[in-house]
Structure formats: C-alpha cells, structure tokens
Amino acid sequence: MSHEPKDLTVEQVAEELQVHKNRVYSWIQSGELPAIDIGRLGRHNYRISRVDLDAFKQARRTTRDDDDR
C-alpha cells in the first residue's frame, strides 16, 4: 500500500507536474492552486493538499472539444 503524503511541498508539486517551482508559486499567489502557509516572519512555506492538487489538475484538463473554441 502506497503512503503518499496528504500535503505536498511546492517542490513536490513542481516535480509531479514537471514545471519550475516558480510556476507553482504563481498558481498559489493567483489563487488558482489552494495552499496553506505554515511559514512565519514573512517567509512562505506552503503545503498543498493532495485533494486540492487533484482538483487543480482536473480543472486544467483539456478535451478534444477545447480545440473548437
């Protein structure tokens, strides 16, 4: 049985999606990707829930019909 963490770091999300971590920060700051900030004193330390990441991926999924728009 796999023991995937429920909450992921920005680096883990970036690796999974094969994007630079700055892209993940951008999605968080725009509100597109929900995250919690467990940092302190002005230093961000985000965690992204697996459920929120899966919903984000589903919302960005393209279909063949998207080409017709």
N, C-alpha and C. Protein backbone atom coordinates (compact mmCIF):
# COMPACT_ATOMS: atom_id res chain seq x y z
N MET A 1 0.84 -1.18 0.00
CA MET A 1 0.00 0.00 0.00
C MET A 1 0.88 1.24 0.00
N SER A 2 0.57 2.21 -0.88
CA SER A 2 1.33 3.43 -1.01
C SER A 2 1.01 4.38 0.14
N HIS A 3 2.04 5.05 0.62
CA HIS A 3 1.84 6.04 1.68
C HIS A 3 2.18 7.42 1.15
N GLU A 4 1.33 7.94 0.26
CA GLU A 4 1.54 9.28 -0.27
C GLU A 4 1.19 10.30 0.80
N PRO A 5 2.01 11.36 0.89
CA PRO A 5 1.67 12.40 1.87
C PRO A 5 0.39 13.12 1.46
N LYS A 6 -0.40 13.49 2.46
CA LYS A 6 -1.63 14.23 2.18
C LYS A 6 -1.30 15.65 1.73
N ASP A 7 -0.28 16.22 2.33
CA ASP A 7 0.14 17.58 1.99
C ASP A 7 1.50 17.54 1.31
N LEU A 8 1.61 18.30 0.23
CA LEU A 8 2.82 18.31 -0.58
C LEU A 8 3.50 19.67 -0.50
N THR A 9 4.81 19.68 -0.66
CA THR A 9 5.55 20.94 -0.73
C THR A 9 5.47 21.49 -2.15
N VAL A 10 5.85 22.74 -2.30
CA VAL A 10 5.90 23.35 -3.63
C VAL A 10 6.83 22.54 -4.52
N GLU A 11 7.95 22.12 -3.99
CA GLU A 11 8.92 21.34 -4.76
C GLU A 11 8.34 20.01 -5.23
N GLN A 12 7.58 19.34 -4.36
CA GLN A 12 6.96 18.07 -4.73
C GLN A 12 5.92 18.26 -5.83
N VAL A 13 5.13 19.34 -5.73
CA VAL A 13 4.13 19.62 -6.75
C VAL A 13 4.82 19.93 -8.08
N ALA A 14 5.86 20.75 -8.03
CA ALA A 14 6.60 21.10 -9.25
C ALA A 14 7.17 19.85 -9.91
N GLU A 15 7.72 18.95 -9.11
CA GLU A 15 8.29 17.72 -9.66
C GLU A 15 7.19 16.86 -10.29
N GLU A 16 6.08 16.73 -9.62
CA GLU A 16 4.98 15.91 -10.14
C GLU A 16 4.44 16.45 -11.46
N LEU A 17 4.31 17.77 -11.54
CA LEU A 17 3.75 18.39 -12.73
C LEU A 17 4.80 18.73 -13.79
N GLN A 18 6.06 18.50 -13.44
CA GLN A 18 7.19 18.77 -14.33
C GLN A 18 7.23 20.23 -14.78
N VAL A 19 7.12 21.12 -13.79
CA VAL A 19 7.22 22.55 -14.01
C VAL A 19 8.20 23.13 -12.99
N HIS A 20 8.65 24.35 -13.24
CA HIS A 20 9.53 25.02 -12.29
C HIS A 20 8.73 25.41 -11.05
N LYS A 21 9.37 25.41 -9.90
CA LYS A 21 8.64 25.74 -8.66
C LYS A 21 8.07 27.16 -8.69
N ASN A 22 8.68 28.07 -9.47
CA ASN A 22 8.12 29.43 -9.57
C ASN A 22 6.74 29.40 -10.20
N ARG A 23 6.49 28.46 -11.09
CA ARG A 23 5.16 28.32 -11.70
C ARG A 23 4.14 27.95 -10.62
N VAL A 24 4.53 27.04 -9.72
CA VAL A 24 3.64 26.63 -8.63
C VAL A 24 3.36 27.81 -7.71
N TYR A 25 4.40 28.60 -7.37
CA TYR A 25 4.20 29.79 -6.55
C TYR A 25 3.22 30.75 -7.23
N SER A 26 3.34 30.90 -8.54
CA SER A 26 2.45 31.78 -9.29
C SER A 26 0.99 31.31 -9.18
N TRP A 27 0.77 30.01 -9.33
CA TRP A 27 -0.58 29.46 -9.21
C TRP A 27 -1.14 29.69 -7.81
N ILE A 28 -0.29 29.55 -6.80
CA ILE A 28 -0.72 29.77 -5.41
C ILE A 28 -1.08 31.24 -5.21
N GLN A 29 -0.21 32.15 -5.65
CA GLN A 29 -0.42 33.57 -5.43
C GLN A 29 -1.63 34.09 -6.19
N SER A 30 -1.96 33.47 -7.33
CA SER A 30 -3.13 33.90 -8.09
C SER A 30 -4.42 33.33 -7.52
N GLY A 31 -4.30 32.36 -6.60
CA GLY A 31 -5.48 31.73 -6.03
C GLY A 31 -5.96 30.53 -6.82
N GLU A 32 -5.27 30.22 -7.90
CA GLU A 32 -5.67 29.10 -8.75
C GLU A 32 -5.41 27.75 -8.08
N LEU A 33 -4.34 27.69 -7.29
CA LEU A 33 -3.99 26.46 -6.56
C LEU A 33 -4.04 26.76 -5.07
N PRO A 34 -5.03 26.24 -4.36
CA PRO A 34 -5.12 26.49 -2.91
C PRO A 34 -3.92 25.89 -2.17
N ALA A 35 -3.48 26.60 -1.14
CA ALA A 35 -2.37 26.12 -0.32
C ALA A 35 -2.50 26.73 1.07
N ILE A 36 -1.86 26.09 2.02
CA ILE A 36 -1.77 26.69 3.36
C ILE A 36 -0.32 27.14 3.55
N ASP A 37 -0.15 28.22 4.26
CA ASP A 37 1.17 28.77 4.50
C ASP A 37 1.53 28.52 5.96
N ILE A 38 2.49 27.64 6.18
CA ILE A 38 2.91 27.32 7.54
C ILE A 38 4.19 28.06 7.92
N GLY A 39 4.57 29.00 7.07
CA GLY A 39 5.78 29.79 7.33
C GLY A 39 5.54 30.83 8.41
N ARG A 40 6.61 31.54 8.73
CA ARG A 40 6.50 32.61 9.72
C ARG A 40 7.49 33.72 9.40
N LEU A 41 7.25 34.87 9.99
CA LEU A 41 8.10 36.03 9.83
C LEU A 41 8.35 36.38 8.36
N GLY A 42 7.29 36.37 7.57
CA GLY A 42 7.39 36.77 6.18
C GLY A 42 7.99 35.74 5.24
N ARG A 43 8.30 34.57 5.76
CA ARG A 43 8.87 33.51 4.91
C ARG A 43 7.78 32.48 4.63
N HIS A 44 7.42 32.36 3.36
CA HIS A 44 6.38 31.43 2.98
C HIS A 44 6.90 29.99 3.02
N ASN A 45 6.05 29.11 3.49
CA ASN A 45 6.34 27.69 3.50
C ASN A 45 4.99 27.00 3.22
N TYR A 46 4.70 26.84 1.94
CA TYR A 46 3.39 26.37 1.53
C TYR A 46 3.27 24.85 1.56
N ARG A 47 2.05 24.40 1.83
CA ARG A 47 1.68 22.99 1.69
C ARG A 47 0.42 22.93 0.86
N ILE A 48 0.39 22.00 -0.07
CA ILE A 48 -0.74 21.82 -0.97
C ILE A 48 -1.32 20.45 -0.70
N SER A 49 -2.62 20.39 -0.46
CA SER A 49 -3.24 19.09 -0.17
C SER A 49 -3.35 18.28 -1.46
N ARG A 50 -3.28 16.99 -1.32
CA ARG A 50 -3.42 16.09 -2.47
C ARG A 50 -4.78 16.31 -3.13
N VAL A 51 -5.81 16.50 -2.33
CA VAL A 51 -7.17 16.71 -2.86
C VAL A 51 -7.20 17.99 -3.70
N ASP A 52 -6.60 19.07 -3.19
CA ASP A 52 -6.58 20.33 -3.94
C ASP A 52 -5.75 20.21 -5.22
N LEU A 53 -4.63 19.50 -5.16
CA LEU A 53 -3.82 19.32 -6.36
C LEU A 53 -4.57 18.50 -7.40
N ASP A 54 -5.24 17.45 -6.97
CA ASP A 54 -6.01 16.63 -7.92
C ASP A 54 -7.13 17.45 -8.56
N ALA A 55 -7.81 18.31 -7.76
CA ALA A 55 -8.87 19.17 -8.31
C ALA A 55 -8.29 20.18 -9.29
N PHE A 56 -7.13 20.73 -8.98
CA PHE A 56 -6.44 21.67 -9.86
C PHE A 56 -6.12 21.00 -11.19
N LYS A 57 -5.59 19.80 -11.13
CA LYS A 57 -5.26 19.07 -12.35
C LYS A 57 -6.51 18.75 -13.16
N GLN A 58 -7.57 18.37 -12.50
CA GLN A 58 -8.82 18.06 -13.20
C GLN A 58 -9.39 19.30 -13.88
N ALA A 59 -9.34 20.44 -13.19
CA ALA A 59 -9.87 21.68 -13.75
C ALA A 59 -9.09 22.14 -14.98
N ARG A 60 -7.82 21.78 -15.05
CA ARG A 60 -6.98 22.19 -16.17
C ARG A 60 -6.93 21.15 -17.28
N ARG A 61 -7.62 20.06 -17.10
CA ARG A 61 -7.63 19.00 -18.11
C ARG A 61 -8.28 19.52 -19.38
N THR A 62 -7.66 19.23 -20.50
CA THR A 62 -8.22 19.65 -21.79
C THR A 62 -8.95 18.47 -22.43
N THR A 63 -9.85 18.81 -23.32
CA THR A 63 -10.57 17.79 -24.07
C THR A 63 -10.47 18.13 -25.55
N ARG A 64 -10.86 17.22 -26.38
CA ARG A 64 -10.82 17.47 -27.82
C ARG A 64 -11.73 18.64 -28.19
N ASP A 65 -12.82 18.83 -27.46
CA ASP A 65 -13.75 19.92 -27.74
C ASP A 65 -13.12 21.29 -27.50
N ASP A 66 -12.07 21.35 -26.64
CA ASP A 66 -11.43 22.61 -26.35
C ASP A 66 -10.80 23.22 -27.61
N ASP A 67 -10.42 22.40 -28.57
CA ASP A 67 -9.81 22.88 -29.81
C ASP A 67 -10.81 23.65 -30.67
N ASP A 68 -12.10 23.41 -30.47
CA ASP A 68 -13.13 24.02 -31.30
C ASP A 68 -13.54 25.40 -30.79
N ARG A 69 -13.01 25.81 -29.66
CA ARG A 69 -13.42 27.10 -29.06
C ARG A 69 -12.71 28.25 -29.70
